[in-house]
Amino acid sequence: MRNIFYIMRHAQSDHNIGSWISGDAATDLKSRLTETGKEQARRLGQEAAALGITRIYRSPFQRVKATCDIVTAHCPVPVSVDDRLRQLDCGLFNGKTWTEREAFFADHYEKLHRPSPGGESLMDVQRRMVEAIGDIDRWNEGETILIISHGNPLRMLQVAALCLPAEAALTDMRALQWKSDVSPDPSIGPLLIHPVFNSARSYSDAVRTSS
């Protein structure tokens, strides 16, 4: 890849605390950063500046914008919004709890491949995240880029970038560390990239070693 990538989950929101799903624009508007989240974002802004971040791409959701606004107060760089970096759309389960959604699926395969009614699957999310990163990489040259998104998109992206089987999104801590219930204190970390992914020309090429 032509650029260096770091990834970051948005800071703590009140919906994180209650384990509520905010996977579409309507439910996102009800999810606000907590005071703890604002302090997290200030720390993350300082970390971003220390890492030499030169550009940010973020999800369009307002809790990500709120995080990003605080981050860029400490790390003033250009910011672009890419809709493909948004949270997993849980359809019927938006506004409900993650526990309710999990109970809908019979096994790990369904959790990855079956969309929620009226929503999308985790594999759908992985596809758009990989496509977004590929485009962002092509649009830039020699930048140190921070991607600010959500736990599910980030763990699916990390699994793809490591060319791991999709099931690793449910078991591998390199992916799970981005989930809010595993790591409630968000951090900035490098996107770990496998050479096969690095040289891929398409989504199917990028994940061709996964199954």
N, C-alpha and C. Protein backbone atom coordinates (compact mmCIF):
# COMPACT_ATOMS: atom_id res chain seq x y z
N MET A 1 0.85 -1.19 0.00
CA MET A 1 0.00 0.00 0.00
C MET A 1 0.88 1.24 0.00
N ARG A 2 0.34 2.32 -0.51
CA ARG A 2 1.15 3.52 -0.70
C ARG A 2 1.16 4.43 0.52
N ASN A 3 0.35 4.11 1.51
CA ASN A 3 0.20 4.95 2.69
C ASN A 3 0.29 4.10 3.96
N ILE A 4 0.50 4.75 5.09
CA ILE A 4 0.47 4.09 6.39
C ILE A 4 -0.92 4.28 6.98
N PHE A 5 -1.52 3.20 7.46
CA PHE A 5 -2.87 3.27 8.00
C PHE A 5 -2.90 2.96 9.49
N TYR A 6 -3.62 3.80 10.22
CA TYR A 6 -3.97 3.54 11.62
C TYR A 6 -5.50 3.49 11.70
N ILE A 7 -6.01 2.72 12.65
CA ILE A 7 -7.45 2.62 12.83
C ILE A 7 -7.82 2.94 14.28
N MET A 8 -9.04 3.44 14.44
CA MET A 8 -9.50 3.86 15.76
C MET A 8 -11.02 3.76 15.83
N ARG A 9 -11.51 3.17 16.91
CA ARG A 9 -12.95 3.18 17.17
C ARG A 9 -13.33 4.50 17.82
N HIS A 10 -14.54 4.96 17.54
CA HIS A 10 -15.03 6.18 18.18
C HIS A 10 -15.01 6.05 19.70
N ALA A 11 -15.00 7.18 20.38
CA ALA A 11 -14.97 7.19 21.84
C ALA A 11 -16.30 6.70 22.42
N GLN A 12 -16.29 6.46 23.72
CA GLN A 12 -17.45 5.87 24.40
C GLN A 12 -18.71 6.74 24.24
N SER A 13 -19.80 6.08 23.89
CA SER A 13 -21.10 6.73 23.83
C SER A 13 -22.02 6.15 24.89
N ASP A 14 -23.13 6.83 25.14
CA ASP A 14 -24.07 6.30 26.13
C ASP A 14 -24.68 4.97 25.67
N HIS A 15 -24.79 4.76 24.36
CA HIS A 15 -25.31 3.50 23.87
C HIS A 15 -24.30 2.36 24.07
N ASN A 16 -23.00 2.67 24.06
CA ASN A 16 -22.01 1.65 24.40
C ASN A 16 -22.26 1.12 25.81
N ILE A 17 -22.51 2.02 26.73
CA ILE A 17 -22.71 1.63 28.12
C ILE A 17 -23.93 0.72 28.26
N GLY A 18 -25.00 1.04 27.54
CA GLY A 18 -26.21 0.24 27.62
C GLY A 18 -26.27 -0.92 26.67
N SER A 19 -25.20 -1.08 25.84
CA SER A 19 -25.15 -2.14 24.83
C SER A 19 -26.30 -2.04 23.83
N TRP A 20 -26.69 -0.78 23.53
CA TRP A 20 -27.74 -0.55 22.54
C TRP A 20 -27.15 -0.48 21.15
N ILE A 21 -27.89 -0.96 20.17
CA ILE A 21 -27.43 -0.95 18.78
C ILE A 21 -27.82 0.37 18.12
N SER A 22 -26.83 1.03 17.54
CA SER A 22 -27.06 2.29 16.82
C SER A 22 -26.48 2.13 15.43
N GLY A 23 -27.14 1.31 14.61
CA GLY A 23 -26.58 0.92 13.32
C GLY A 23 -27.13 1.66 12.13
N ASP A 24 -28.02 2.61 12.35
CA ASP A 24 -28.51 3.42 11.23
C ASP A 24 -28.53 4.88 11.66
N ALA A 25 -28.88 5.76 10.72
CA ALA A 25 -28.81 7.20 10.99
C ALA A 25 -29.75 7.61 12.11
N ALA A 26 -30.93 7.01 12.17
CA ALA A 26 -31.92 7.40 13.17
C ALA A 26 -31.45 7.06 14.58
N THR A 27 -30.96 5.84 14.78
CA THR A 27 -30.51 5.45 16.12
C THR A 27 -29.19 6.13 16.47
N ASP A 28 -28.38 6.42 15.47
CA ASP A 28 -27.12 7.13 15.73
C ASP A 28 -27.38 8.50 16.35
N LEU A 29 -28.44 9.17 15.92
CA LEU A 29 -28.74 10.50 16.45
C LEU A 29 -29.06 10.47 17.94
N LYS A 30 -29.43 9.30 18.45
CA LYS A 30 -29.77 9.18 19.87
C LYS A 30 -28.56 8.79 20.71
N SER A 31 -27.43 8.53 20.06
CA SER A 31 -26.23 8.06 20.76
C SER A 31 -25.22 9.21 20.89
N ARG A 32 -24.92 9.59 22.12
CA ARG A 32 -24.04 10.74 22.37
C ARG A 32 -22.79 10.31 23.14
N LEU A 33 -21.70 11.02 22.92
CA LEU A 33 -20.50 10.74 23.69
C LEU A 33 -20.74 11.04 25.16
N THR A 34 -20.23 10.18 26.01
CA THR A 34 -20.28 10.43 27.44
C THR A 34 -19.13 11.38 27.80
N GLU A 35 -19.12 11.84 29.05
CA GLU A 35 -18.00 12.67 29.50
C GLU A 35 -16.70 11.87 29.44
N THR A 36 -16.79 10.58 29.78
CA THR A 36 -15.63 9.71 29.65
C THR A 36 -15.18 9.63 28.20
N GLY A 37 -16.15 9.52 27.30
CA GLY A 37 -15.84 9.47 25.88
C GLY A 37 -15.13 10.72 25.39
N LYS A 38 -15.56 11.87 25.86
CA LYS A 38 -14.91 13.12 25.46
C LYS A 38 -13.47 13.16 25.94
N GLU A 39 -13.24 12.66 27.15
CA GLU A 39 -11.86 12.62 27.67
C GLU A 39 -11.03 11.62 26.86
N GLN A 40 -11.64 10.49 26.49
CA GLN A 40 -10.94 9.52 25.65
C GLN A 40 -10.54 10.17 24.32
N ALA A 41 -11.45 10.92 23.73
CA ALA A 41 -11.17 11.55 22.44
C ALA A 41 -10.03 12.56 22.54
N ARG A 42 -9.97 13.29 23.66
CA ARG A 42 -8.85 14.22 23.85
C ARG A 42 -7.51 13.48 23.90
N ARG A 43 -7.51 12.35 24.62
CA ARG A 43 -6.28 11.55 24.67
C ARG A 43 -5.92 11.01 23.30
N LEU A 44 -6.93 10.55 22.57
CA LEU A 44 -6.69 10.00 21.24
C LEU A 44 -6.17 11.07 20.29
N GLY A 45 -6.64 12.30 20.44
CA GLY A 45 -6.14 13.39 19.62
C GLY A 45 -4.66 13.62 19.84
N GLN A 46 -4.23 13.55 21.09
CA GLN A 46 -2.83 13.71 21.42
C GLN A 46 -2.01 12.55 20.84
N GLU A 47 -2.56 11.35 20.90
CA GLU A 47 -1.88 10.19 20.32
C GLU A 47 -1.76 10.33 18.81
N ALA A 48 -2.81 10.82 18.17
CA ALA A 48 -2.79 10.99 16.72
C ALA A 48 -1.72 11.99 16.31
N ALA A 49 -1.61 13.08 17.06
CA ALA A 49 -0.60 14.08 16.75
C ALA A 49 0.80 13.48 16.91
N ALA A 50 1.00 12.68 17.95
CA ALA A 50 2.32 12.08 18.20
C ALA A 50 2.68 11.07 17.11
N LEU A 51 1.68 10.44 16.52
CA LEU A 51 1.93 9.46 15.46
C LEU A 51 2.19 10.11 14.11
N GLY A 52 1.99 11.39 14.02
CA GLY A 52 2.20 12.09 12.75
C GLY A 52 1.09 11.86 11.74
N ILE A 53 -0.13 11.68 12.23
CA ILE A 53 -1.27 11.52 11.33
C ILE A 53 -1.38 12.76 10.43
N THR A 54 -1.55 12.52 9.13
CA THR A 54 -1.63 13.64 8.19
C THR A 54 -3.01 13.78 7.54
N ARG A 55 -3.84 12.76 7.69
CA ARG A 55 -5.19 12.82 7.10
C ARG A 55 -6.10 11.85 7.85
N ILE A 56 -7.36 12.21 7.96
CA ILE A 56 -8.35 11.36 8.62
C ILE A 56 -9.51 11.07 7.67
N TYR A 57 -9.95 9.83 7.66
CA TYR A 57 -11.21 9.44 7.02
C TYR A 57 -12.09 8.86 8.11
N ARG A 58 -13.37 9.23 8.10
CA ARG A 58 -14.25 8.80 9.18
C ARG A 58 -15.61 8.36 8.67
N SER A 59 -16.29 7.63 9.53
CA SER A 59 -17.69 7.26 9.34
C SER A 59 -18.55 8.52 9.37
N PRO A 60 -19.71 8.51 8.68
CA PRO A 60 -20.61 9.67 8.72
C PRO A 60 -21.42 9.79 10.00
N PHE A 61 -21.39 8.79 10.88
CA PHE A 61 -22.25 8.82 12.06
C PHE A 61 -21.81 9.91 13.02
N GLN A 62 -22.78 10.51 13.73
CA GLN A 62 -22.50 11.70 14.53
C GLN A 62 -21.59 11.41 15.72
N ARG A 63 -21.65 10.19 16.29
CA ARG A 63 -20.76 9.89 17.40
C ARG A 63 -19.30 9.80 16.95
N VAL A 64 -19.11 9.44 15.69
CA VAL A 64 -17.76 9.46 15.12
C VAL A 64 -17.34 10.89 14.82
N LYS A 65 -18.25 11.69 14.30
CA LYS A 65 -17.94 13.10 14.05
C LYS A 65 -17.56 13.80 15.35
N ALA A 66 -18.33 13.53 16.42
CA ALA A 66 -18.03 14.16 17.70
C ALA A 66 -16.65 13.76 18.20
N THR A 67 -16.31 12.49 18.03
CA THR A 67 -14.96 12.02 18.40
C THR A 67 -13.91 12.73 17.55
N CYS A 68 -14.15 12.75 16.24
CA CYS A 68 -13.18 13.33 15.31
C CYS A 68 -12.97 14.82 15.57
N ASP A 69 -14.03 15.54 15.89
CA ASP A 69 -13.91 16.98 16.16
C ASP A 69 -12.96 17.24 17.34
N ILE A 70 -13.04 16.39 18.35
CA ILE A 70 -12.14 16.55 19.50
C ILE A 70 -10.72 16.14 19.12
N VAL A 71 -10.60 15.06 18.37
CA VAL A 71 -9.28 14.60 17.93
C VAL A 71 -8.57 15.68 17.13
N THR A 72 -9.28 16.31 16.18
CA THR A 72 -8.63 17.28 15.31
C THR A 72 -8.34 18.61 16.01
N ALA A 73 -8.91 18.82 17.19
CA ALA A 73 -8.51 19.98 17.98
C ALA A 73 -7.06 19.84 18.42
N HIS A 74 -6.60 18.61 18.56
CA HIS A 74 -5.22 18.33 18.96
C HIS A 74 -4.35 17.95 17.76
N CYS A 75 -4.99 17.46 16.70
CA CYS A 75 -4.28 17.00 15.50
C CYS A 75 -4.99 17.59 14.29
N PRO A 76 -4.75 18.86 13.97
CA PRO A 76 -5.50 19.54 12.91
C PRO A 76 -5.06 19.13 11.51
N VAL A 77 -5.75 18.15 10.97
CA VAL A 77 -5.43 17.63 9.63
C VAL A 77 -6.73 17.57 8.81
N PRO A 78 -6.63 17.43 7.50
CA PRO A 78 -7.85 17.31 6.67
C PRO A 78 -8.66 16.08 7.05
N VAL A 79 -9.97 16.23 7.03
CA VAL A 79 -10.90 15.14 7.36
C VAL A 79 -11.85 14.92 6.19
N SER A 80 -12.03 13.66 5.81
CA SER A 80 -12.99 13.29 4.78
C SER A 80 -13.96 12.25 5.35
N VAL A 81 -15.18 12.29 4.88
CA VAL A 81 -16.22 11.35 5.32
C VAL A 81 -16.44 10.31 4.21
N ASP A 82 -16.44 9.05 4.59
CA ASP A 82 -16.73 7.98 3.64
C ASP A 82 -17.85 7.12 4.22
N ASP A 83 -18.96 7.06 3.53
CA ASP A 83 -20.14 6.35 4.03
C ASP A 83 -19.87 4.86 4.26
N ARG A 84 -18.89 4.32 3.56
CA ARG A 84 -18.59 2.89 3.70
C ARG A 84 -17.97 2.55 5.05
N LEU A 85 -17.56 3.55 5.80
CA LEU A 85 -16.95 3.33 7.11
C LEU A 85 -17.98 3.30 8.23
N ARG A 86 -19.27 3.34 7.88
CA ARG A 86 -20.34 3.38 8.88
C ARG A 86 -20.47 2.05 9.62
N GLN A 87 -21.25 2.09 10.70
CA GLN A 87 -21.49 0.89 11.52
C GLN A 87 -22.31 -0.15 10.76
N LEU A 88 -22.21 -1.40 11.20
CA LEU A 88 -23.07 -2.48 10.73
C LEU A 88 -24.53 -2.09 10.89
N ASP A 89 -25.28 -2.14 9.79
CA ASP A 89 -26.71 -1.85 9.85
C ASP A 89 -27.43 -3.11 10.32
N CYS A 90 -28.00 -3.05 11.50
CA CYS A 90 -28.65 -4.23 12.09
C CYS A 90 -30.14 -4.30 11.80
N GLY A 91 -30.64 -3.44 10.91
CA GLY A 91 -32.01 -3.53 10.46
C GLY A 91 -33.01 -3.54 11.60
N LEU A 92 -33.77 -4.63 11.71
CA LEU A 92 -34.80 -4.78 12.73
C LEU A 92 -34.27 -4.59 14.15
N PHE A 93 -32.98 -4.86 14.35
CA PHE A 93 -32.40 -4.81 15.70
C PHE A 93 -31.82 -3.45 16.06
N ASN A 94 -31.83 -2.50 15.14
CA ASN A 94 -31.39 -1.16 15.51
C ASN A 94 -32.30 -0.62 16.61
N GLY A 95 -31.71 -0.09 17.67
CA GLY A 95 -32.47 0.39 18.81
C GLY A 95 -32.69 -0.66 19.88
N LYS A 96 -32.32 -1.91 19.56
CA LYS A 96 -32.41 -2.99 20.55
C LYS A 96 -31.00 -3.26 21.09
N THR A 97 -30.84 -4.31 21.89
CA THR A 97 -29.53 -4.60 22.47
C THR A 97 -28.77 -5.60 21.60
N TRP A 98 -27.45 -5.60 21.77
CA TRP A 98 -26.63 -6.56 21.04
C TRP A 98 -26.97 -7.99 21.46
N THR A 99 -27.37 -8.18 22.70
CA THR A 99 -27.75 -9.52 23.16
C THR A 99 -28.95 -10.05 22.38
N GLU A 100 -29.92 -9.17 22.15
CA GLU A 100 -31.09 -9.57 21.36
C GLU A 100 -30.71 -9.97 19.94
N ARG A 101 -29.79 -9.21 19.34
CA ARG A 101 -29.35 -9.56 17.99
C ARG A 101 -28.61 -10.89 17.97
N GLU A 102 -27.70 -11.09 18.92
CA GLU A 102 -26.92 -12.31 18.95
C GLU A 102 -27.81 -13.55 19.05
N ALA A 103 -28.91 -13.43 19.78
CA ALA A 103 -29.81 -14.57 19.96
C ALA A 103 -30.52 -14.97 18.67
N PHE A 104 -30.51 -14.09 17.69
CA PHE A 104 -31.19 -14.34 16.42
C PHE A 104 -30.44 -15.38 15.58
N PHE A 105 -29.13 -15.48 15.78
CA PHE A 105 -28.31 -16.34 14.93
C PHE A 105 -28.05 -17.69 15.59
N ALA A 106 -28.09 -18.73 14.77
CA ALA A 106 -27.95 -20.10 15.29
C ALA A 106 -26.51 -20.46 15.61
N ASP A 107 -25.56 -19.90 14.85
CA ASP A 107 -24.16 -20.29 15.03
C ASP A 107 -23.25 -19.20 14.49
N HIS A 108 -21.94 -19.45 14.55
CA HIS A 108 -20.96 -18.46 14.10
C HIS A 108 -21.09 -18.16 12.61
N TYR A 109 -21.38 -19.18 11.82
CA TYR A 109 -21.52 -18.96 10.38
C TYR A 109 -22.62 -17.95 10.10
N GLU A 110 -23.78 -18.13 10.76
CA GLU A 110 -24.88 -17.19 10.56
C GLU A 110 -24.52 -15.78 11.04
N LYS A 111 -23.79 -15.68 12.14
CA LYS A 111 -23.40 -14.37 12.66
C LYS A 111 -22.59 -13.59 11.64
N LEU A 112 -21.83 -14.31 10.83
CA LEU A 112 -20.98 -13.67 9.83
C LEU A 112 -21.70 -13.43 8.51
N HIS A 113 -22.46 -14.40 8.06
CA HIS A 113 -22.97 -14.39 6.69
C HIS A 113 -24.44 -14.02 6.56
N ARG A 114 -25.21 -14.15 7.64
CA ARG A 114 -26.65 -13.88 7.54
C ARG A 114 -26.93 -12.45 7.97
N PRO A 115 -27.59 -11.67 7.12
CA PRO A 115 -27.93 -10.30 7.53
C PRO A 115 -29.07 -10.28 8.52
N SER A 116 -29.07 -9.29 9.39
CA SER A 116 -30.25 -9.06 10.22
C SER A 116 -31.41 -8.69 9.31
N PRO A 117 -32.65 -8.99 9.67
CA PRO A 117 -33.78 -8.60 8.83
C PRO A 117 -33.77 -7.10 8.54
N GLY A 118 -33.72 -6.76 7.27
CA GLY A 118 -33.70 -5.36 6.88
C GLY A 118 -32.34 -4.70 7.01
N GLY A 119 -31.31 -5.48 7.35
CA GLY A 119 -29.97 -4.92 7.55
C GLY A 119 -28.94 -5.59 6.66
N GLU A 120 -27.73 -5.72 7.17
CA GLU A 120 -26.64 -6.32 6.41
C GLU A 120 -25.88 -7.30 7.28
N SER A 121 -25.06 -8.10 6.64
CA SER A 121 -24.24 -9.09 7.35
C SER A 121 -22.86 -8.51 7.63
N LEU A 122 -22.13 -9.19 8.52
CA LEU A 122 -20.76 -8.77 8.78
C LEU A 122 -19.89 -8.91 7.53
N MET A 123 -20.18 -9.89 6.69
CA MET A 123 -19.42 -10.03 5.45
C MET A 123 -19.72 -8.89 4.49
N ASP A 124 -20.95 -8.39 4.49
CA ASP A 124 -21.27 -7.19 3.71
C ASP A 124 -20.42 -6.02 4.18
N VAL A 125 -20.29 -5.89 5.50
CA VAL A 125 -19.48 -4.81 6.08
C VAL A 125 -18.03 -4.97 5.67
N GLN A 126 -17.52 -6.21 5.74
CA GLN A 126 -16.12 -6.43 5.36
C GLN A 126 -15.88 -6.01 3.91
N ARG A 127 -16.81 -6.34 3.04
CA ARG A 127 -16.64 -6.00 1.62
C ARG A 127 -16.53 -4.50 1.43
N ARG A 128 -17.41 -3.74 2.04
CA ARG A 128 -17.36 -2.29 1.83
C ARG A 128 -16.16 -1.64 2.51
N MET A 129 -15.73 -2.20 3.64
CA MET A 129 -14.56 -1.66 4.32
C MET A 129 -13.29 -1.89 3.49
N VAL A 130 -13.15 -3.08 2.93
CA VAL A 130 -11.98 -3.37 2.10
C VAL A 130 -11.98 -2.48 0.86
N GLU A 131 -13.14 -2.32 0.26
CA GLU A 131 -13.23 -1.45 -0.92
C GLU A 131 -12.89 -0.01 -0.56
N ALA A 132 -13.34 0.45 0.61
CA ALA A 132 -13.05 1.82 1.04
C ALA A 132 -11.55 2.02 1.24
N ILE A 133 -10.90 1.07 1.93
CA ILE A 133 -9.47 1.20 2.18
C ILE A 133 -8.70 1.20 0.86
N GLY A 134 -9.10 0.35 -0.07
CA GLY A 134 -8.44 0.33 -1.37
C GLY A 134 -8.55 1.66 -2.09
N ASP A 135 -9.74 2.25 -2.06
CA ASP A 135 -9.93 3.55 -2.72
C ASP A 135 -9.13 4.64 -2.00
N ILE A 136 -9.21 4.66 -0.68
CA ILE A 136 -8.49 5.68 0.09
C ILE A 136 -6.99 5.58 -0.18
N ASP A 137 -6.48 4.36 -0.28
CA ASP A 137 -5.06 4.18 -0.57
C ASP A 137 -4.71 4.73 -1.95
N ARG A 138 -5.59 4.52 -2.92
CA ARG A 138 -5.33 5.02 -4.27
C ARG A 138 -5.45 6.53 -4.36
N TRP A 139 -6.32 7.11 -3.55
CA TRP A 139 -6.53 8.56 -3.59
C TRP A 139 -5.38 9.35 -2.97
N ASN A 140 -4.54 8.68 -2.21
CA ASN A 140 -3.49 9.36 -1.45
C ASN A 140 -2.12 8.77 -1.79
N GLU A 141 -1.08 9.49 -1.43
CA GLU A 141 0.29 9.05 -1.66
C GLU A 141 1.17 9.53 -0.52
N GLY A 142 1.79 8.60 0.20
CA GLY A 142 2.73 8.96 1.25
C GLY A 142 2.12 9.59 2.48
N GLU A 143 0.82 9.34 2.73
CA GLU A 143 0.14 9.91 3.89
C GLU A 143 0.15 8.91 5.05
N THR A 144 0.01 9.44 6.25
CA THR A 144 -0.23 8.62 7.43
C THR A 144 -1.69 8.85 7.81
N ILE A 145 -2.52 7.87 7.51
CA ILE A 145 -3.98 8.03 7.51
C ILE A 145 -4.60 7.35 8.72
N LEU A 146 -5.50 8.06 9.38
CA LEU A 146 -6.27 7.51 10.49
C LEU A 146 -7.69 7.26 10.03
N ILE A 147 -8.15 6.03 10.21
CA ILE A 147 -9.54 5.66 9.92
C ILE A 147 -10.30 5.63 11.24
N ILE A 148 -11.32 6.46 11.37
CA ILE A 148 -12.15 6.45 12.59
C ILE A 148 -13.50 5.83 12.22
N SER A 149 -13.80 4.70 12.84
CA SER A 149 -15.01 3.97 12.48
C SER A 149 -15.59 3.33 13.74
N HIS A 150 -16.15 2.15 13.59
CA HIS A 150 -16.88 1.44 14.64
C HIS A 150 -16.28 0.06 14.84
N GLY A 151 -16.62 -0.58 15.96
CA GLY A 151 -16.03 -1.85 16.30
C GLY A 151 -16.21 -2.94 15.25
N ASN A 152 -17.43 -3.13 14.77
CA ASN A 152 -17.67 -4.20 13.80
C ASN A 152 -16.96 -3.98 12.48
N PRO A 153 -17.05 -2.81 11.87
CA PRO A 153 -16.31 -2.58 10.64
C PRO A 153 -14.80 -2.73 10.81
N LEU A 154 -14.26 -2.26 11.93
CA LEU A 154 -12.82 -2.32 12.13
C LEU A 154 -12.33 -3.76 12.30
N ARG A 155 -13.09 -4.58 13.04
CA ARG A 155 -12.62 -5.96 13.22
C ARG A 155 -12.74 -6.75 11.92
N MET A 156 -13.77 -6.46 11.10
CA MET A 156 -13.88 -7.15 9.82
C MET A 156 -12.78 -6.70 8.86
N LEU A 157 -12.44 -5.42 8.90
CA LEU A 157 -11.34 -4.94 8.08
C LEU A 157 -10.02 -5.57 8.50
N GLN A 158 -9.77 -5.64 9.82
CA GLN A 158 -8.50 -6.21 10.28
C GLN A 158 -8.37 -7.67 9.90
N VAL A 159 -9.44 -8.43 9.98
CA VAL A 159 -9.41 -9.84 9.57
C VAL A 159 -9.06 -9.95 8.09
N ALA A 160 -9.68 -9.11 7.27
CA ALA A 160 -9.39 -9.15 5.84
C ALA A 160 -7.95 -8.75 5.56
N ALA A 161 -7.47 -7.71 6.23
CA ALA A 161 -6.12 -7.21 5.99
C ALA A 161 -5.05 -8.22 6.39
N LEU A 162 -5.37 -9.10 7.34
CA LEU A 162 -4.46 -10.17 7.74
C LEU A 162 -4.68 -11.44 6.93
N CYS A 163 -5.66 -11.41 6.01
CA CYS A 163 -6.00 -12.58 5.20
C CYS A 163 -6.35 -13.78 6.06
N LEU A 164 -7.07 -13.53 7.15
CA LEU A 164 -7.52 -14.59 8.03
C LEU A 164 -8.90 -15.08 7.61
N PRO A 165 -9.27 -16.30 7.97
CA PRO A 165 -10.65 -16.76 7.73
C PRO A 165 -11.63 -15.82 8.44
N ALA A 166 -12.80 -15.68 7.87
CA ALA A 166 -13.79 -14.75 8.42
C ALA A 166 -14.10 -15.04 9.88
N GLU A 167 -14.06 -16.31 10.26
CA GLU A 167 -14.39 -16.69 11.64
C GLU A 167 -13.44 -16.07 12.66
N ALA A 168 -12.27 -15.64 12.22
CA ALA A 168 -11.31 -15.01 13.13
C ALA A 168 -11.86 -13.72 13.71
N ALA A 169 -12.84 -13.13 13.05
CA ALA A 169 -13.47 -11.91 13.58
C ALA A 169 -14.16 -12.17 14.90
N LEU A 170 -14.46 -13.44 15.18
CA LEU A 170 -15.16 -13.81 16.41
C LEU A 170 -14.22 -14.40 17.46
N THR A 171 -12.94 -14.61 17.09
CA THR A 171 -12.04 -15.32 18.00
C THR A 171 -10.67 -14.68 18.17
N ASP A 172 -10.19 -13.96 17.17
CA ASP A 172 -8.81 -13.46 17.17
C ASP A 172 -8.74 -12.08 17.83
N MET A 173 -7.92 -11.94 18.87
CA MET A 173 -7.86 -10.69 19.61
C MET A 173 -7.33 -9.53 18.77
N ARG A 174 -6.62 -9.81 17.70
CA ARG A 174 -6.19 -8.72 16.82
C ARG A 174 -7.38 -8.03 16.17
N ALA A 175 -8.47 -8.76 16.04
CA ALA A 175 -9.71 -8.19 15.54
C ALA A 175 -10.63 -7.77 16.68
N LEU A 176 -10.76 -8.64 17.68
CA LEU A 176 -11.70 -8.40 18.77
C LEU A 176 -11.34 -7.18 19.61
N GLN A 177 -10.08 -6.77 19.58
CA GLN A 177 -9.69 -5.61 20.40
C GLN A 177 -10.44 -4.34 20.02
N TRP A 178 -11.05 -4.33 18.83
CA TRP A 178 -11.77 -3.13 18.40
C TRP A 178 -13.22 -3.12 18.85
N LYS A 179 -13.72 -4.23 19.40
CA LYS A 179 -15.10 -4.27 19.89
C LYS A 179 -15.21 -3.49 21.19
N SER A 180 -16.27 -2.72 21.34
CA SER A 180 -16.41 -1.86 22.51
C SER A 180 -16.59 -2.65 23.80
N ASP A 181 -17.16 -3.85 23.72
CA ASP A 181 -17.36 -4.62 24.95
C ASP A 181 -16.10 -5.34 25.38
N VAL A 182 -15.13 -5.49 24.46
CA VAL A 182 -13.85 -6.09 24.81
C VAL A 182 -12.87 -5.02 25.27
N SER A 183 -12.85 -3.90 24.56
CA SER A 183 -11.93 -2.81 24.89
C SER A 183 -12.73 -1.52 25.03
N PRO A 184 -13.28 -1.27 26.21
CA PRO A 184 -14.12 -0.08 26.39
C PRO A 184 -13.35 1.23 26.36
N ASP A 185 -12.01 1.15 26.45
CA ASP A 185 -11.19 2.35 26.38
C ASP A 185 -10.51 2.36 25.01
N PRO A 186 -11.03 3.12 24.04
CA PRO A 186 -10.54 3.03 22.67
C PRO A 186 -9.09 3.48 22.54
N SER A 187 -8.44 2.96 21.51
CA SER A 187 -7.05 3.30 21.26
C SER A 187 -6.84 3.44 19.76
N ILE A 188 -5.69 3.97 19.39
CA ILE A 188 -5.27 4.02 18.00
C ILE A 188 -4.26 2.91 17.79
N GLY A 189 -4.44 2.13 16.75
CA GLY A 189 -3.48 1.07 16.45
C GLY A 189 -3.23 0.97 14.97
N PRO A 190 -2.07 0.42 14.58
CA PRO A 190 -1.80 0.25 13.16
C PRO A 190 -2.72 -0.80 12.55
N LEU A 191 -3.13 -0.59 11.31
CA LEU A 191 -3.82 -1.63 10.57
C LEU A 191 -2.77 -2.65 10.16
N LEU A 192 -2.91 -3.87 10.68
CA LEU A 192 -1.94 -4.93 10.39
C LEU A 192 -2.24 -5.51 9.02
N ILE A 193 -1.24 -5.49 8.12
CA ILE A 193 -1.49 -5.82 6.72
C ILE A 193 -0.62 -6.98 6.25
N HIS A 194 -1.25 -8.02 5.75
CA HIS A 194 -0.57 -9.17 5.18
C HIS A 194 -0.08 -8.81 3.77
N PRO A 195 1.07 -9.32 3.34
CA PRO A 195 1.57 -9.01 1.99
C PRO A 195 0.57 -9.32 0.87
N VAL A 196 -0.20 -10.41 1.03
CA VAL A 196 -1.19 -10.74 0.00
C VAL A 196 -2.22 -9.64 -0.12
N PHE A 197 -2.70 -9.15 1.03
CA PHE A 197 -3.68 -8.06 1.02
C PHE A 197 -3.04 -6.80 0.44
N ASN A 198 -1.79 -6.57 0.78
CA ASN A 198 -1.09 -5.37 0.34
C ASN A 198 -1.02 -5.26 -1.18
N SER A 199 -0.94 -6.41 -1.84
CA SER A 199 -0.79 -6.40 -3.29
C SER A 199 -2.10 -6.68 -4.02
N ALA A 200 -3.19 -6.81 -3.29
CA ALA A 200 -4.47 -7.16 -3.90
C ALA A 200 -4.99 -6.04 -4.78
N ARG A 201 -5.70 -6.42 -5.83
CA ARG A 201 -6.29 -5.45 -6.74
C ARG A 201 -7.81 -5.34 -6.59
N SER A 202 -8.40 -6.26 -5.83
CA SER A 202 -9.85 -6.24 -5.67
C SER A 202 -10.20 -6.88 -4.34
N TYR A 203 -11.46 -6.73 -3.94
CA TYR A 203 -11.92 -7.37 -2.70
C TYR A 203 -11.71 -8.87 -2.74
N SER A 204 -12.07 -9.51 -3.85
CA SER A 204 -11.94 -10.97 -3.93
C SER A 204 -10.49 -11.40 -3.85
N ASP A 205 -9.59 -10.61 -4.45
CA ASP A 205 -8.16 -10.91 -4.33
C ASP A 205 -7.70 -10.76 -2.89
N ALA A 206 -8.19 -9.70 -2.23
CA ALA A 206 -7.72 -9.38 -0.87
C ALA A 206 -8.06 -10.47 0.12
N VAL A 207 -9.16 -11.16 -0.09
CA VAL A 207 -9.59 -12.19 0.88
C VAL A 207 -9.54 -13.59 0.28
N ARG A 208 -8.79 -13.77 -0.80
CA ARG A 208 -8.80 -15.06 -1.47
C ARG A 208 -8.20 -16.20 -0.65
N THR A 209 -7.37 -15.86 0.37
CA THR A 209 -6.82 -16.91 1.21
C THR A 209 -7.72 -17.22 2.39
N SER A 210 -8.80 -16.45 2.55
CA SER A 210 -9.74 -16.68 3.66
C SER A 210 -10.84 -17.61 3.20
N SER A 211 -11.49 -18.23 4.16
CA SER A 211 -12.62 -19.12 3.81
C SER A 211 -13.60 -19.15 4.95
